[in-house]
Amino acid sequence: MKIRFLETAQFELDESIEYYNHEVGGLGIKFLEEILRAVDLIANHPEAWPQISARTRRCKINRFPFGIIYQNREDEILIVAIAHFHRKPGYWNERLSF
């Protein structure tokens, strides 16, 4: 299954990696590994996580307070947000019109 990140989701990922690497050397890489592991699971089992709207699901990642907000589309998985659970809940809802 093809995986596509919205540009804003990619920015959130890059920004979070940079933040964690700044806080503790190498922690950003561990964060990225968790995200990639979750994306791989999503690609292989896209219906496994709870729905938060008709087309949208949320996969919580381990070890960090983040989740991957995604849509299982006909020909791809669209990553809508790499959302921090303690900041601005639901801020990514405006992205769901894609």
C-alpha atoms as a PDB file:
ATOM      1  CA  MET A   1       0.000   0.000   0.000  1.00  0.00           C
ATOM      2  CA  LYS A   2       1.308   3.440  -0.949  1.00  0.00           C
ATOM      3  CA  ILE A   3       1.874   5.852   1.953  1.00  0.00           C
ATOM      4  CA  ARG A   4       1.590   9.597   1.392  1.00  0.00           C
ATOM      5  CA  PHE A   5       2.174  12.341   3.969  1.00  0.00           C
ATOM      6  CA  LEU A   6       0.411  15.668   3.707  1.00  0.00           C
ATOM      7  CA  GLU A   7       3.069  18.362   3.582  1.00  0.00           C
ATOM      8  CA  THR A   8       1.947  19.653   6.989  1.00  0.00           C
ATOM      9  CA  ALA A   9       2.214  16.162   8.493  1.00  0.00           C
ATOM     10  CA  GLN A  10       5.738  15.795   7.114  1.00  0.00           C
ATOM     11  CA  PHE A  11       6.612  19.169   8.643  1.00  0.00           C
ATOM     12  CA  GLU A  12       5.242  18.021  12.021  1.00  0.00           C
ATOM     13  CA  LEU A  13       7.355  14.884  11.822  1.00  0.00           C
ATOM     14  CA  ASP A  14      10.530  16.766  10.886  1.00  0.00           C
ATOM     15  CA  GLU A  15       9.935  19.398  13.581  1.00  0.00           C
ATOM     16  CA  SER A  16       9.361  16.756  16.270  1.00  0.00           C
ATOM     17  CA  ILE A  17      12.495  14.829  15.296  1.00  0.00           C
ATOM     18  CA  GLU A  18      14.520  18.032  15.525  1.00  0.00           C
ATOM     19  CA  TYR A  19      12.985  18.927  18.898  1.00  0.00           C
ATOM     20  CA  TYR A  20      13.720  15.518  20.440  1.00  0.00           C
ATOM     21  CA  ASN A  21      17.275  15.447  19.048  1.00  0.00           C
ATOM     22  CA  HIS A  22      17.850  18.884  20.569  1.00  0.00           C
ATOM     23  CA  GLU A  23      16.541  17.728  23.962  1.00  0.00           C
ATOM     24  CA  VAL A  24      18.555  14.495  24.105  1.00  0.00           C
ATOM     25  CA  GLY A  25      21.037  13.407  21.448  1.00  0.00           C
ATOM     26  CA  GLY A  26      19.589  10.546  19.424  1.00  0.00           C
ATOM     27  CA  LEU A  27      16.090  10.774  20.897  1.00  0.00           C
ATOM     28  CA  GLY A  28      14.757  12.188  17.635  1.00  0.00           C
ATOM     29  CA  ILE A  29      15.992   9.084  15.831  1.00  0.00           C
ATOM     30  CA  LYS A  30      14.157   6.905  18.359  1.00  0.00           C
ATOM     31  CA  PHE A  31      11.025   8.982  17.741  1.00  0.00           C
ATOM     32  CA  LEU A  32      11.398   8.488  13.979  1.00  0.00           C
ATOM     33  CA  GLU A  33      11.848   4.731  14.486  1.00  0.00           C
ATOM     34  CA  GLU A  34       8.577   4.606  16.455  1.00  0.00           C
ATOM     35  CA  ILE A  35       6.774   6.551  13.722  1.00  0.00           C
ATOM     36  CA  LEU A  36       8.160   4.332  10.956  1.00  0.00           C
ATOM     37  CA  ARG A  37       7.224   1.185  12.876  1.00  0.00           C
ATOM     38  CA  ALA A  38       3.663   2.481  13.292  1.00  0.00           C
ATOM     39  CA  VAL A  39       3.430   3.517   9.620  1.00  0.00           C
ATOM     40  CA  ASP A  40       4.518   0.017   8.611  1.00  0.00           C
ATOM     41  CA  LEU A  41       1.827  -1.495  10.834  1.00  0.00           C
ATOM     42  CA  ILE A  42      -0.760   0.892   9.384  1.00  0.00           C
ATOM     43  CA  ALA A  43       0.254  -0.058   5.840  1.00  0.00           C
ATOM     44  CA  ASN A  44      -0.173  -3.759   6.626  1.00  0.00           C
ATOM     45  CA  HIS A  45      -3.317  -3.449   8.782  1.00  0.00           C
ATOM     46  CA  PRO A  46      -5.024  -0.134   7.923  1.00  0.00           C
ATOM     47  CA  GLU A  47      -8.327  -1.024   9.614  1.00  0.00           C
ATOM     48  CA  ALA A  48      -6.750  -2.032  12.949  1.00  0.00           C
ATOM     49  CA  TRP A  49      -6.959   1.332  14.746  1.00  0.00           C
ATOM     50  CA  PRO A  50     -10.020   3.148  16.049  1.00  0.00           C
ATOM     51  CA  GLN A  51     -11.994   5.407  13.769  1.00  0.00           C
ATOM     52  CA  ILE A  52     -12.263   9.038  14.773  1.00  0.00           C
ATOM     53  CA  SER A  53     -14.446   9.975  11.796  1.00  0.00           C
ATOM     54  CA  ALA A  54     -16.003   8.162   8.843  1.00  0.00           C
ATOM     55  CA  ARG A  55     -12.714   7.895   6.903  1.00  0.00           C
ATOM     56  CA  THR A  56     -10.122   8.777   9.527  1.00  0.00           C
ATOM     57  CA  ARG A  57      -8.286   6.681  12.117  1.00  0.00           C
ATOM     58  CA  ARG A  58      -5.721   7.300  14.849  1.00  0.00           C
ATOM     59  CA  CYS A  59      -2.782   5.074  15.681  1.00  0.00           C
ATOM     60  CA  LYS A  60      -1.095   5.905  18.987  1.00  0.00           C
ATOM     61  CA  ILE A  61       2.637   5.347  19.040  1.00  0.00           C
ATOM     62  CA  ASN A  62       4.631   3.885  21.892  1.00  0.00           C
ATOM     63  CA  ARG A  63       6.964   5.852  24.148  1.00  0.00           C
ATOM     64  CA  PHE A  64       5.941   9.318  22.906  1.00  0.00           C
ATOM     65  CA  PRO A  65       2.679  11.267  23.369  1.00  0.00           C
ATOM     66  CA  PHE A  66       1.899  11.242  19.641  1.00  0.00           C
ATOM     67  CA  GLY A  67      -0.462   9.586  17.261  1.00  0.00           C
ATOM     68  CA  ILE A  68      -0.651   9.197  13.531  1.00  0.00           C
ATOM     69  CA  ILE A  69      -3.890  10.523  12.084  1.00  0.00           C
ATOM     70  CA  TYR A  70      -4.539   8.847   8.746  1.00  0.00           C
ATOM     71  CA  GLN A  71      -7.112   7.997   6.122  1.00  0.00           C
ATOM     72  CA  ASN A  72      -7.321   4.629   4.416  1.00  0.00           C
ATOM     73  CA  ARG A  73      -8.103   5.580   0.838  1.00  0.00           C
ATOM     74  CA  GLU A  74      -8.732   3.380  -2.162  1.00  0.00           C
ATOM     75  CA  ASP A  75      -5.161   3.450  -3.469  1.00  0.00           C
ATOM     76  CA  GLU A  76      -3.139   4.892  -0.579  1.00  0.00           C
ATOM     77  CA  ILE A  77      -2.806   5.620   3.111  1.00  0.00           C
ATOM     78  CA  LEU A  78      -2.846   9.383   3.613  1.00  0.00           C
ATOM     79  CA  ILE A  79      -1.040  10.579   6.745  1.00  0.00           C
ATOM     80  CA  VAL A  80      -2.983  13.672   7.797  1.00  0.00           C
ATOM     81  CA  ALA A  81      -1.070  14.563  10.974  1.00  0.00           C
ATOM     82  CA  ILE A  82       1.653  13.512  13.372  1.00  0.00           C
ATOM     83  CA  ALA A  83      -0.334  14.806  16.325  1.00  0.00           C
ATOM     84  CA  HIS A  84       0.945  15.534  19.817  1.00  0.00           C
ATOM     85  CA  PHE A  85      -1.795  14.469  22.224  1.00  0.00           C
ATOM     86  CA  HIS A  86      -1.235  17.288  24.708  1.00  0.00           C
ATOM     87  CA  ARG A  87      -1.330  20.187  22.250  1.00  0.00           C
ATOM     88  CA  LYS A  88      -4.357  21.645  20.483  1.00  0.00           C
ATOM     89  CA  PRO A  89      -6.647  18.599  20.351  1.00  0.00           C
ATOM     90  CA  GLY A  90      -8.300  18.149  16.984  1.00  0.00           C
ATOM     91  CA  TYR A  91      -6.330  20.939  15.272  1.00  0.00           C
ATOM     92  CA  TRP A  92      -5.874  18.669  12.253  1.00  0.00           C
ATOM     93  CA  ASN A  93      -9.641  18.384  11.591  1.00  0.00           C
ATOM     94  CA  GLU A  94      -9.440  21.157   8.987  1.00  0.00           C
ATOM     95  CA  ARG A  95      -7.131  18.920   6.936  1.00  0.00           C
ATOM     96  CA  LEU A  96      -9.779  16.238   6.508  1.00  0.00           C
ATOM     97  CA  SER A  97     -11.423  17.866   3.517  1.00  0.00           C
ATOM     98  CA  PHE A  98      -8.798  16.340   1.198  1.00  0.00           C
END
